[in-house]
Amino acid sequence: MLTPALDRQVVKKRTKTFANGDKEESYEYENIVNDPELLALNRLQLCDEAIYKRQLLVSTMEQMIQCMDDYLKAEAGATGQDGQRFSMAY
């Protein structure tokens, strides 16, 4: 996926002078998008693909849950003298 380039630009510069003569400068920055058309295209593509990305996430989570269930079954069904040696047998 292409990403639009962002530039940081100084918007405001503030100088604060204290009673003892010290000066403190603070800057305010703003992000500026170089290519707003590309940003709009990326937004549109992400919205179009949201359903598929959600389904991919859900199926991955289901596989992860199944894997964890299999691991717990294997640990619960461990048999033998040496628990470590047969810990994944069910």
N, C-alpha and C. Protein backbone atom coordinates (compact mmCIF):
# COMPACT_ATOMS: atom_id res chain seq x y z
N MET A 1 0.85 -1.16 0.00
CA MET A 1 0.00 0.00 0.00
C MET A 1 0.90 1.24 0.00
N LEU A 2 0.54 2.18 -0.80
CA LEU A 2 1.28 3.43 -0.83
C LEU A 2 0.80 4.34 0.29
N THR A 3 1.71 5.07 0.86
CA THR A 3 1.33 6.00 1.91
C THR A 3 1.66 7.42 1.49
N PRO A 4 0.74 8.33 1.73
CA PRO A 4 1.03 9.72 1.38
C PRO A 4 2.10 10.28 2.29
N ALA A 5 2.96 11.11 1.72
CA ALA A 5 4.05 11.70 2.49
C ALA A 5 3.52 12.85 3.35
N LEU A 6 4.01 12.89 4.57
CA LEU A 6 3.65 13.96 5.49
C LEU A 6 4.87 14.82 5.76
N ASP A 7 4.65 16.09 5.84
CA ASP A 7 5.70 17.02 6.22
C ASP A 7 5.29 17.71 7.51
N ARG A 8 6.26 17.96 8.36
CA ARG A 8 5.98 18.73 9.58
C ARG A 8 6.43 20.16 9.33
N GLN A 9 5.53 21.08 9.62
CA GLN A 9 5.82 22.48 9.38
C GLN A 9 5.55 23.28 10.66
N VAL A 10 6.41 24.23 10.93
CA VAL A 10 6.23 25.09 12.11
C VAL A 10 5.07 26.03 11.84
N VAL A 11 4.10 26.03 12.76
CA VAL A 11 2.95 26.92 12.61
C VAL A 11 3.13 28.16 13.46
N LYS A 12 3.55 27.96 14.72
CA LYS A 12 3.72 29.09 15.63
C LYS A 12 5.03 28.94 16.40
N LYS A 13 5.64 30.08 16.66
CA LYS A 13 6.84 30.11 17.50
C LYS A 13 6.55 31.10 18.61
N ARG A 14 6.69 30.64 19.85
CA ARG A 14 6.43 31.51 21.01
C ARG A 14 7.70 31.66 21.81
N THR A 15 7.97 32.90 22.21
CA THR A 15 9.12 33.17 23.06
C THR A 15 8.61 33.74 24.37
N LYS A 16 9.02 33.11 25.45
CA LYS A 16 8.60 33.53 26.78
C LYS A 16 9.84 34.05 27.52
N THR A 17 9.76 35.27 28.02
CA THR A 17 10.88 35.88 28.74
C THR A 17 10.55 35.88 30.23
N PHE A 18 11.48 35.38 31.02
CA PHE A 18 11.31 35.32 32.47
C PHE A 18 11.88 36.58 33.12
N ALA A 19 11.56 36.75 34.38
CA ALA A 19 12.00 37.94 35.12
C ALA A 19 13.53 38.00 35.24
N ASN A 20 14.19 36.86 35.29
CA ASN A 20 15.65 36.86 35.44
C ASN A 20 16.38 37.03 34.10
N GLY A 21 15.63 37.20 33.01
CA GLY A 21 16.24 37.44 31.71
C GLY A 21 16.36 36.21 30.82
N ASP A 22 16.03 35.05 31.35
CA ASP A 22 16.08 33.82 30.53
C ASP A 22 14.93 33.82 29.53
N LYS A 23 15.20 33.20 28.41
CA LYS A 23 14.17 33.08 27.37
C LYS A 23 13.90 31.61 27.11
N GLU A 24 12.63 31.31 26.87
CA GLU A 24 12.22 29.94 26.54
C GLU A 24 11.41 29.99 25.26
N GLU A 25 11.81 29.18 24.29
CA GLU A 25 11.11 29.14 23.02
C GLU A 25 10.29 27.86 22.93
N SER A 26 9.09 27.97 22.42
CA SER A 26 8.26 26.80 22.18
C SER A 26 7.72 26.89 20.75
N TYR A 27 7.61 25.72 20.13
CA TYR A 27 7.18 25.65 18.74
C TYR A 27 5.93 24.80 18.64
N GLU A 28 5.06 25.16 17.72
CA GLU A 28 3.86 24.39 17.45
C GLU A 28 3.98 23.88 16.01
N TYR A 29 3.86 22.57 15.84
CA TYR A 29 4.02 21.95 14.53
C TYR A 29 2.68 21.44 14.02
N GLU A 30 2.60 21.28 12.70
CA GLU A 30 1.40 20.74 12.07
C GLU A 30 1.83 19.80 10.96
N ASN A 31 1.12 18.67 10.83
CA ASN A 31 1.39 17.72 9.74
C ASN A 31 0.66 18.18 8.49
N ILE A 32 1.36 18.21 7.39
CA ILE A 32 0.77 18.62 6.12
C ILE A 32 0.89 17.45 5.15
N VAL A 33 -0.22 17.08 4.53
CA VAL A 33 -0.23 15.98 3.58
C VAL A 33 0.20 16.52 2.22
N ASN A 34 1.20 15.88 1.62
CA ASN A 34 1.69 16.33 0.32
C ASN A 34 0.76 15.95 -0.82
N ASP A 35 0.10 14.80 -0.70
CA ASP A 35 -0.74 14.31 -1.79
C ASP A 35 -2.12 13.93 -1.24
N PRO A 36 -3.06 14.88 -1.17
CA PRO A 36 -4.38 14.56 -0.61
C PRO A 36 -5.18 13.58 -1.46
N GLU A 37 -4.91 13.54 -2.78
CA GLU A 37 -5.63 12.59 -3.64
C GLU A 37 -5.24 11.16 -3.29
N LEU A 38 -3.97 10.93 -3.02
CA LEU A 38 -3.51 9.60 -2.64
C LEU A 38 -4.09 9.20 -1.28
N LEU A 39 -4.18 10.14 -0.37
CA LEU A 39 -4.79 9.87 0.93
C LEU A 39 -6.25 9.47 0.77
N ALA A 40 -6.99 10.17 -0.09
CA ALA A 40 -8.39 9.83 -0.34
C ALA A 40 -8.51 8.45 -0.99
N LEU A 41 -7.60 8.12 -1.92
CA LEU A 41 -7.62 6.80 -2.56
C LEU A 41 -7.34 5.70 -1.54
N ASN A 42 -6.37 5.90 -0.66
CA ASN A 42 -6.08 4.92 0.39
C ASN A 42 -7.27 4.72 1.30
N ARG A 43 -7.92 5.79 1.67
CA ARG A 43 -9.10 5.71 2.53
C ARG A 43 -10.20 4.90 1.85
N LEU A 44 -10.42 5.16 0.56
CA LEU A 44 -11.44 4.44 -0.19
C LEU A 44 -11.12 2.95 -0.28
N GLN A 45 -9.85 2.63 -0.56
CA GLN A 45 -9.45 1.22 -0.65
C GLN A 45 -9.61 0.51 0.68
N LEU A 46 -9.24 1.16 1.77
CA LEU A 46 -9.39 0.54 3.09
C LEU A 46 -10.86 0.30 3.42
N CYS A 47 -11.71 1.22 3.05
CA CYS A 47 -13.14 1.04 3.29
C CYS A 47 -13.70 -0.11 2.46
N ASP A 48 -13.23 -0.22 1.21
CA ASP A 48 -13.70 -1.31 0.34
C ASP A 48 -13.24 -2.67 0.84
N GLU A 49 -12.04 -2.74 1.39
CA GLU A 49 -11.46 -4.01 1.83
C GLU A 49 -11.75 -4.33 3.29
N ALA A 50 -12.49 -3.50 3.97
CA ALA A 50 -12.72 -3.69 5.41
C ALA A 50 -13.42 -5.01 5.71
N ILE A 51 -14.38 -5.39 4.87
CA ILE A 51 -15.12 -6.64 5.10
C ILE A 51 -14.17 -7.83 5.02
N TYR A 52 -13.29 -7.83 4.02
CA TYR A 52 -12.36 -8.95 3.84
C TYR A 52 -11.32 -8.98 4.96
N LYS A 53 -10.85 -7.82 5.36
CA LYS A 53 -9.86 -7.78 6.45
C LYS A 53 -10.49 -8.24 7.76
N ARG A 54 -11.75 -7.89 7.99
CA ARG A 54 -12.43 -8.34 9.20
C ARG A 54 -12.56 -9.86 9.18
N GLN A 55 -12.95 -10.43 8.03
CA GLN A 55 -13.10 -11.88 7.93
C GLN A 55 -11.77 -12.58 8.14
N LEU A 56 -10.70 -12.02 7.61
CA LEU A 56 -9.37 -12.59 7.81
C LEU A 56 -9.01 -12.58 9.29
N LEU A 57 -9.30 -11.50 9.97
CA LEU A 57 -9.01 -11.40 11.40
C LEU A 57 -9.82 -12.42 12.20
N VAL A 58 -11.10 -12.54 11.87
CA VAL A 58 -11.96 -13.48 12.59
C VAL A 58 -11.49 -14.92 12.38
N SER A 59 -11.15 -15.28 11.14
CA SER A 59 -10.71 -16.66 10.90
C SER A 59 -9.37 -16.94 11.58
N THR A 60 -8.49 -15.96 11.63
CA THR A 60 -7.22 -16.14 12.33
C THR A 60 -7.44 -16.32 13.82
N MET A 61 -8.34 -15.54 14.39
CA MET A 61 -8.65 -15.70 15.82
C MET A 61 -9.25 -17.07 16.10
N GLU A 62 -10.12 -17.56 15.22
CA GLU A 62 -10.71 -18.89 15.41
C GLU A 62 -9.64 -19.97 15.36
N GLN A 63 -8.67 -19.84 14.44
CA GLN A 63 -7.58 -20.81 14.38
C GLN A 63 -6.72 -20.77 15.64
N MET A 64 -6.51 -19.58 16.15
CA MET A 64 -5.72 -19.44 17.37
C MET A 64 -6.45 -20.07 18.55
N ILE A 65 -7.74 -19.88 18.64
CA ILE A 65 -8.53 -20.48 19.72
C ILE A 65 -8.50 -22.00 19.61
N GLN A 66 -8.63 -22.53 18.38
CA GLN A 66 -8.58 -23.98 18.18
C GLN A 66 -7.22 -24.54 18.60
N CYS A 67 -6.17 -23.83 18.27
CA CYS A 67 -4.83 -24.26 18.65
C CYS A 67 -4.67 -24.28 20.17
N MET A 68 -5.19 -23.27 20.84
CA MET A 68 -5.11 -23.22 22.30
C MET A 68 -5.94 -24.34 22.93
N ASP A 69 -7.11 -24.63 22.35
CA ASP A 69 -7.92 -25.74 22.85
C ASP A 69 -7.20 -27.07 22.69
N ASP A 70 -6.56 -27.27 21.54
CA ASP A 70 -5.80 -28.51 21.31
C ASP A 70 -4.67 -28.64 22.31
N TYR A 71 -4.01 -27.54 22.60
CA TYR A 71 -2.92 -27.57 23.57
C TYR A 71 -3.43 -27.94 24.95
N LEU A 72 -4.56 -27.35 25.36
CA LEU A 72 -5.12 -27.67 26.67
C LEU A 72 -5.58 -29.12 26.75
N LYS A 73 -6.15 -29.66 25.67
CA LYS A 73 -6.54 -31.08 25.64
C LYS A 73 -5.31 -31.97 25.78
N ALA A 74 -4.25 -31.59 25.10
CA ALA A 74 -3.02 -32.39 25.16
C ALA A 74 -2.43 -32.36 26.57
N GLU A 75 -2.43 -31.23 27.21
CA GLU A 75 -1.91 -31.13 28.57
C GLU A 75 -2.78 -31.90 29.55
N ALA A 76 -4.10 -31.84 29.35
CA ALA A 76 -5.02 -32.55 30.26
C ALA A 76 -4.92 -34.06 30.07
N GLY A 77 -4.63 -34.50 28.85
CA GLY A 77 -4.58 -35.93 28.57
C GLY A 77 -3.19 -36.51 28.68
N ALA A 78 -2.29 -35.80 29.33
CA ALA A 78 -0.91 -36.29 29.45
C ALA A 78 -0.89 -37.55 30.32
N THR A 79 -0.22 -38.57 29.81
CA THR A 79 -0.11 -39.83 30.56
C THR A 79 1.34 -40.28 30.57
N GLY A 80 1.62 -41.23 31.43
CA GLY A 80 2.97 -41.81 31.47
C GLY A 80 3.69 -41.40 32.74
N GLN A 81 4.83 -42.08 32.98
CA GLN A 81 5.63 -41.83 34.17
C GLN A 81 6.25 -40.44 34.14
N ASP A 82 6.84 -40.11 32.99
CA ASP A 82 7.51 -38.83 32.85
C ASP A 82 6.54 -37.84 32.23
N GLY A 83 6.05 -36.92 33.02
CA GLY A 83 5.04 -35.97 32.54
C GLY A 83 5.54 -35.10 31.41
N GLN A 84 6.81 -34.76 31.41
CA GLN A 84 7.35 -33.91 30.36
C GLN A 84 7.46 -34.65 29.04
N ARG A 85 7.78 -35.94 29.10
CA ARG A 85 7.99 -36.70 27.88
C ARG A 85 6.71 -36.92 27.11
N PHE A 86 5.60 -37.17 27.83
CA PHE A 86 4.33 -37.46 27.17
C PHE A 86 3.33 -36.31 27.33
N SER A 87 3.83 -35.11 27.50
CA SER A 87 2.92 -34.01 27.82
C SER A 87 2.00 -33.62 26.66
N MET A 88 2.36 -33.97 25.42
CA MET A 88 1.52 -33.58 24.30
C MET A 88 0.74 -34.75 23.70
N ALA A 89 0.62 -35.86 24.41
CA ALA A 89 -0.09 -37.03 23.90
C ALA A 89 -1.54 -36.99 24.36
N TYR A 90 -2.46 -37.11 23.40
CA TYR A 90 -3.89 -37.24 23.75
C TYR A 90 -4.58 -38.10 22.74
